[in-house]
């Protein structure tokens, strides 16, 4: 928590990145406050998709010979956690399979 406090400053009760001026932060938060709820939701969906794509890109780099299905399953396990993943997908992802080895 201490490191986080060094990287962000509290401004008007909200967290502000350390590399963002109070004026820029206020401009951003003012824009966000004026956004209609549907636009905020759309933006959240777009960012969620971007984050998923970054995570999958990392998995593709780590498992270059993995199929699209394997990447999907690895992302699902990463997102859901091992216990829930096992309940949903069973043993579909076997780390013993040749395409799953980190080559």
N, C-alpha and C. Protein backbone atom coordinates (compact mmCIF):
# COMPACT_ATOMS: atom_id res chain seq x y z
N UNK A 1 0.82 -1.19 0.00
CA UNK A 1 0.00 0.00 0.00
C UNK A 1 0.86 1.26 0.00
N UNK A 2 2.02 1.18 0.66
CA UNK A 2 2.89 2.33 0.72
C UNK A 2 3.39 2.74 -0.66
N UNK A 3 3.78 1.76 -1.50
CA UNK A 3 4.23 2.05 -2.85
C UNK A 3 3.13 2.69 -3.69
N UNK A 4 1.91 2.25 -3.47
CA UNK A 4 0.78 2.81 -4.21
C UNK A 4 0.59 4.28 -3.83
N UNK A 5 0.77 4.59 -2.57
CA UNK A 5 0.62 5.97 -2.13
C UNK A 5 1.67 6.87 -2.76
N UNK A 6 2.84 6.34 -3.03
CA UNK A 6 3.89 7.13 -3.66
C UNK A 6 3.58 7.40 -5.12
N UNK A 7 2.87 6.48 -5.79
CA UNK A 7 2.59 6.61 -7.22
C UNK A 7 1.33 7.42 -7.52
N UNK A 8 0.49 7.65 -6.53
CA UNK A 8 -0.76 8.36 -6.77
C UNK A 8 -0.98 9.38 -5.65
N UNK A 9 -1.67 10.42 -6.00
CA UNK A 9 -1.99 11.45 -5.02
C UNK A 9 -3.51 11.55 -4.91
N UNK A 10 -3.96 11.89 -3.72
CA UNK A 10 -5.39 12.08 -3.54
C UNK A 10 -5.73 13.51 -3.95
N UNK A 11 -6.71 13.64 -4.81
CA UNK A 11 -7.14 14.93 -5.31
C UNK A 11 -8.67 14.94 -5.29
N UNK A 12 -9.24 15.81 -4.53
CA UNK A 12 -10.70 15.88 -4.41
C UNK A 12 -11.31 14.54 -4.03
N UNK A 13 -10.62 13.80 -3.17
CA UNK A 13 -11.17 12.52 -2.71
C UNK A 13 -11.00 11.37 -3.69
N UNK A 14 -10.30 11.59 -4.81
CA UNK A 14 -10.11 10.54 -5.80
C UNK A 14 -8.62 10.31 -6.00
N UNK A 15 -8.27 9.12 -6.49
CA UNK A 15 -6.87 8.80 -6.77
C UNK A 15 -6.47 9.42 -8.10
N UNK A 16 -5.32 10.08 -8.10
CA UNK A 16 -4.79 10.70 -9.30
C UNK A 16 -3.41 10.13 -9.56
N UNK A 17 -3.12 9.66 -10.78
CA UNK A 17 -1.78 9.17 -11.08
C UNK A 17 -0.74 10.25 -10.80
N UNK A 18 0.42 9.83 -10.31
CA UNK A 18 1.47 10.77 -9.92
C UNK A 18 1.96 11.61 -11.10
N UNK A 19 1.84 11.09 -12.31
CA UNK A 19 2.34 11.84 -13.47
C UNK A 19 1.27 12.71 -14.12
N UNK A 20 0.15 12.92 -13.43
CA UNK A 20 -0.96 13.71 -13.97
C UNK A 20 -1.16 14.94 -13.11
N UNK A 21 -1.18 16.10 -13.75
CA UNK A 21 -1.35 17.35 -13.00
C UNK A 21 -2.78 17.43 -12.45
N UNK A 22 -2.96 18.19 -11.38
CA UNK A 22 -4.32 18.37 -10.84
C UNK A 22 -5.28 18.94 -11.89
N UNK A 23 -4.78 19.83 -12.73
CA UNK A 23 -5.64 20.44 -13.75
C UNK A 23 -6.09 19.41 -14.79
N UNK A 24 -5.15 18.57 -15.24
CA UNK A 24 -5.49 17.53 -16.21
C UNK A 24 -6.45 16.52 -15.60
N UNK A 25 -6.21 16.17 -14.33
CA UNK A 25 -7.09 15.21 -13.65
C UNK A 25 -8.49 15.78 -13.52
N UNK A 26 -8.59 17.04 -13.17
CA UNK A 26 -9.90 17.68 -13.03
C UNK A 26 -10.62 17.72 -14.37
N UNK A 27 -9.89 18.00 -15.45
CA UNK A 27 -10.51 18.01 -16.78
C UNK A 27 -11.04 16.62 -17.14
N UNK A 28 -10.25 15.60 -16.85
CA UNK A 28 -10.69 14.23 -17.15
C UNK A 28 -11.92 13.86 -16.34
N UNK A 29 -11.88 14.12 -15.04
CA UNK A 29 -13.03 13.74 -14.20
C UNK A 29 -14.27 14.55 -14.56
N UNK A 30 -14.09 15.80 -14.99
CA UNK A 30 -15.24 16.60 -15.43
C UNK A 30 -15.87 15.99 -16.68
N UNK A 31 -15.03 15.54 -17.61
CA UNK A 31 -15.54 14.87 -18.81
C UNK A 31 -16.30 13.59 -18.44
N UNK A 32 -15.72 12.82 -17.53
CA UNK A 32 -16.37 11.57 -17.12
C UNK A 32 -17.71 11.83 -16.43
N UNK A 33 -17.77 12.86 -15.62
CA UNK A 33 -19.03 13.18 -14.94
C UNK A 33 -20.14 13.56 -15.93
N UNK A 34 -19.75 14.18 -17.03
CA UNK A 34 -20.75 14.61 -18.03
C UNK A 34 -21.16 13.49 -18.97
N UNK A 35 -20.42 12.38 -18.97
CA UNK A 35 -20.76 11.27 -19.88
C UNK A 35 -22.07 10.63 -19.47
N UNK A 36 -22.94 10.32 -20.42
CA UNK A 36 -24.16 9.59 -20.09
C UNK A 36 -23.80 8.17 -19.63
N UNK A 37 -24.63 7.55 -18.80
CA UNK A 37 -24.34 6.20 -18.31
C UNK A 37 -24.04 5.19 -19.42
N UNK A 38 -24.77 5.28 -20.53
CA UNK A 38 -24.53 4.32 -21.62
C UNK A 38 -23.13 4.49 -22.20
N UNK A 39 -22.65 5.71 -22.30
CA UNK A 39 -21.31 5.95 -22.82
C UNK A 39 -20.25 5.43 -21.85
N UNK A 40 -20.49 5.60 -20.55
CA UNK A 40 -19.57 5.07 -19.55
C UNK A 40 -19.51 3.55 -19.64
N UNK A 41 -20.66 2.93 -19.83
CA UNK A 41 -20.71 1.48 -19.93
C UNK A 41 -20.00 1.01 -21.19
N UNK A 42 -20.22 1.69 -22.30
CA UNK A 42 -19.54 1.34 -23.55
C UNK A 42 -18.03 1.45 -23.39
N UNK A 43 -17.56 2.49 -22.75
CA UNK A 43 -16.13 2.67 -22.52
C UNK A 43 -15.58 1.55 -21.64
N UNK A 44 -16.33 1.16 -20.63
CA UNK A 44 -15.89 0.05 -19.77
C UNK A 44 -15.77 -1.24 -20.57
N UNK A 45 -16.72 -1.51 -21.45
CA UNK A 45 -16.66 -2.71 -22.29
C UNK A 45 -15.45 -2.66 -23.23
N UNK A 46 -15.20 -1.49 -23.81
CA UNK A 46 -14.06 -1.35 -24.72
C UNK A 46 -12.74 -1.59 -23.98
N UNK A 47 -12.59 -1.02 -22.80
CA UNK A 47 -11.36 -1.23 -22.03
C UNK A 47 -11.23 -2.69 -21.59
N UNK A 48 -12.32 -3.30 -21.26
CA UNK A 48 -12.30 -4.72 -20.88
C UNK A 48 -11.78 -5.56 -22.05
N UNK A 49 -12.23 -5.26 -23.25
CA UNK A 49 -11.78 -5.98 -24.44
C UNK A 49 -10.29 -5.76 -24.68
N UNK A 50 -9.83 -4.54 -24.50
CA UNK A 50 -8.41 -4.24 -24.68
C UNK A 50 -7.56 -5.02 -23.68
N UNK A 51 -8.00 -5.05 -22.45
CA UNK A 51 -7.27 -5.79 -21.40
C UNK A 51 -7.22 -7.28 -21.76
N UNK A 52 -8.35 -7.84 -22.22
CA UNK A 52 -8.39 -9.25 -22.61
C UNK A 52 -7.41 -9.52 -23.74
N UNK A 53 -7.37 -8.63 -24.72
CA UNK A 53 -6.45 -8.81 -25.85
C UNK A 53 -5.00 -8.78 -25.39
N UNK A 54 -4.66 -7.90 -24.47
CA UNK A 54 -3.30 -7.87 -23.93
C UNK A 54 -2.97 -9.18 -23.20
N UNK A 55 -3.90 -9.66 -22.41
CA UNK A 55 -3.68 -10.91 -21.68
C UNK A 55 -3.48 -12.07 -22.65
N UNK A 56 -4.31 -12.15 -23.68
CA UNK A 56 -4.16 -13.21 -24.67
C UNK A 56 -2.86 -13.08 -25.45
N UNK A 57 -2.43 -11.87 -25.73
CA UNK A 57 -1.15 -11.68 -26.42
C UNK A 57 0.00 -12.20 -25.56
N UNK A 58 -0.06 -11.96 -24.27
CA UNK A 58 0.95 -12.49 -23.37
C UNK A 58 0.95 -14.01 -23.35
N UNK A 59 -0.24 -14.61 -23.38
CA UNK A 59 -0.33 -16.07 -23.42
C UNK A 59 0.21 -16.62 -24.73
N UNK A 60 -0.06 -15.93 -25.84
CA UNK A 60 0.47 -16.38 -27.14
C UNK A 60 2.00 -16.31 -27.17
N UNK A 61 2.55 -15.31 -26.51
CA UNK A 61 4.00 -15.19 -26.45
C UNK A 61 4.59 -16.31 -25.59
N UNK A 62 3.91 -16.62 -24.51
CA UNK A 62 4.40 -17.67 -23.61
C UNK A 62 4.21 -19.06 -24.19
N UNK A 63 3.15 -19.26 -24.96
CA UNK A 63 2.83 -20.56 -25.58
C UNK A 63 2.68 -20.37 -27.09
N UNK A 64 3.78 -20.19 -27.80
CA UNK A 64 3.71 -19.85 -29.23
C UNK A 64 3.08 -20.92 -30.11
N UNK A 65 3.03 -22.16 -29.69
CA UNK A 65 2.46 -23.23 -30.50
C UNK A 65 1.04 -23.59 -30.08
N UNK A 66 0.47 -22.81 -29.20
CA UNK A 66 -0.87 -23.10 -28.70
C UNK A 66 -1.93 -22.75 -29.75
N UNK A 67 -2.99 -23.55 -29.79
CA UNK A 67 -4.12 -23.27 -30.68
C UNK A 67 -4.95 -22.13 -30.08
N UNK A 68 -5.87 -21.60 -30.87
CA UNK A 68 -6.76 -20.55 -30.37
C UNK A 68 -7.60 -21.09 -29.20
N UNK A 69 -8.01 -22.36 -29.28
CA UNK A 69 -8.78 -22.95 -28.19
C UNK A 69 -7.95 -23.01 -26.91
N UNK A 70 -6.69 -23.38 -27.05
CA UNK A 70 -5.84 -23.44 -25.86
C UNK A 70 -5.65 -22.06 -25.25
N UNK A 71 -5.45 -21.04 -26.09
CA UNK A 71 -5.31 -19.67 -25.58
C UNK A 71 -6.58 -19.27 -24.85
N UNK A 72 -7.73 -19.58 -25.45
CA UNK A 72 -9.01 -19.29 -24.79
C UNK A 72 -9.08 -19.96 -23.42
N UNK A 73 -8.72 -21.23 -23.37
CA UNK A 73 -8.80 -21.98 -22.11
C UNK A 73 -7.81 -21.43 -21.08
N UNK A 74 -6.62 -21.09 -21.51
CA UNK A 74 -5.65 -20.54 -20.58
C UNK A 74 -6.12 -19.19 -20.04
N UNK A 75 -6.72 -18.38 -20.90
CA UNK A 75 -7.25 -17.10 -20.43
C UNK A 75 -8.41 -17.34 -19.46
N UNK A 76 -9.25 -18.31 -19.77
CA UNK A 76 -10.37 -18.62 -18.89
C UNK A 76 -9.86 -19.07 -17.52
N UNK A 77 -8.83 -19.92 -17.50
CA UNK A 77 -8.28 -20.39 -16.22
C UNK A 77 -7.67 -19.22 -15.46
N UNK A 78 -6.99 -18.34 -16.16
CA UNK A 78 -6.39 -17.16 -15.53
C UNK A 78 -7.46 -16.25 -14.95
N UNK A 79 -8.56 -16.10 -15.65
CA UNK A 79 -9.63 -15.20 -15.23
C UNK A 79 -10.52 -15.80 -14.14
N UNK A 80 -10.83 -17.08 -14.30
CA UNK A 80 -11.78 -17.72 -13.39
C UNK A 80 -11.14 -18.30 -12.14
N UNK A 81 -9.85 -18.58 -12.22
CA UNK A 81 -9.20 -19.30 -11.12
C UNK A 81 -9.33 -20.79 -11.36
N UNK A 82 -8.42 -21.55 -10.78
CA UNK A 82 -8.37 -22.99 -11.02
C UNK A 82 -9.62 -23.76 -10.64
N UNK A 83 -10.19 -23.45 -9.49
CA UNK A 83 -11.35 -24.22 -9.01
C UNK A 83 -12.57 -24.04 -9.92
N UNK A 84 -12.93 -22.80 -10.22
CA UNK A 84 -14.09 -22.56 -11.08
C UNK A 84 -13.82 -23.05 -12.50
N UNK A 85 -12.59 -22.83 -12.98
CA UNK A 85 -12.22 -23.32 -14.31
C UNK A 85 -12.45 -24.83 -14.39
N UNK A 86 -12.00 -25.57 -13.38
CA UNK A 86 -12.19 -27.02 -13.37
C UNK A 86 -13.65 -27.42 -13.39
N UNK A 87 -14.49 -26.68 -12.69
CA UNK A 87 -15.93 -26.98 -12.68
C UNK A 87 -16.55 -26.74 -14.06
N UNK A 88 -16.09 -25.70 -14.74
CA UNK A 88 -16.68 -25.33 -16.03
C UNK A 88 -16.09 -26.15 -17.18
N UNK A 89 -14.76 -26.31 -17.20
CA UNK A 89 -14.10 -26.93 -18.35
C UNK A 89 -13.50 -28.31 -18.06
N UNK A 90 -13.56 -28.74 -16.81
CA UNK A 90 -13.02 -30.06 -16.47
C UNK A 90 -11.54 -30.15 -16.78
N UNK A 91 -11.16 -31.24 -17.41
CA UNK A 91 -9.75 -31.49 -17.74
C UNK A 91 -9.42 -31.11 -19.18
N UNK A 92 -10.18 -30.20 -19.75
CA UNK A 92 -9.98 -29.87 -21.17
C UNK A 92 -8.60 -29.28 -21.44
N UNK A 93 -8.02 -28.61 -20.46
CA UNK A 93 -6.69 -28.03 -20.63
C UNK A 93 -5.70 -28.88 -19.87
N UNK A 94 -4.93 -29.65 -20.61
CA UNK A 94 -3.93 -30.51 -20.00
C UNK A 94 -2.56 -29.89 -20.22
N UNK A 95 -1.86 -29.58 -19.17
CA UNK A 95 -0.54 -28.98 -19.30
C UNK A 95 0.50 -29.97 -19.79
N UNK A 96 0.12 -31.24 -19.98
CA UNK A 96 1.03 -32.25 -20.50
C UNK A 96 1.02 -32.30 -22.02
N UNK A 97 0.05 -31.64 -22.65
CA UNK A 97 -0.05 -31.68 -24.11
C UNK A 97 1.13 -30.97 -24.74
N UNK A 98 1.67 -31.47 -25.85
CA UNK A 98 2.86 -30.86 -26.48
C UNK A 98 2.69 -29.38 -26.80
N UNK A 99 1.49 -28.98 -27.26
CA UNK A 99 1.32 -27.58 -27.64
C UNK A 99 1.30 -26.66 -26.43
N UNK A 100 1.19 -27.24 -25.25
CA UNK A 100 1.11 -26.42 -24.04
C UNK A 100 2.48 -26.15 -23.42
N UNK A 101 3.49 -26.78 -23.92
CA UNK A 101 4.81 -26.59 -23.34
C UNK A 101 5.37 -25.25 -23.76
N UNK A 102 6.08 -24.66 -22.86
CA UNK A 102 6.70 -23.37 -23.14
C UNK A 102 7.95 -23.62 -23.98
N UNK A 103 7.85 -23.41 -25.29
CA UNK A 103 8.96 -23.69 -26.21
C UNK A 103 9.75 -22.45 -26.51
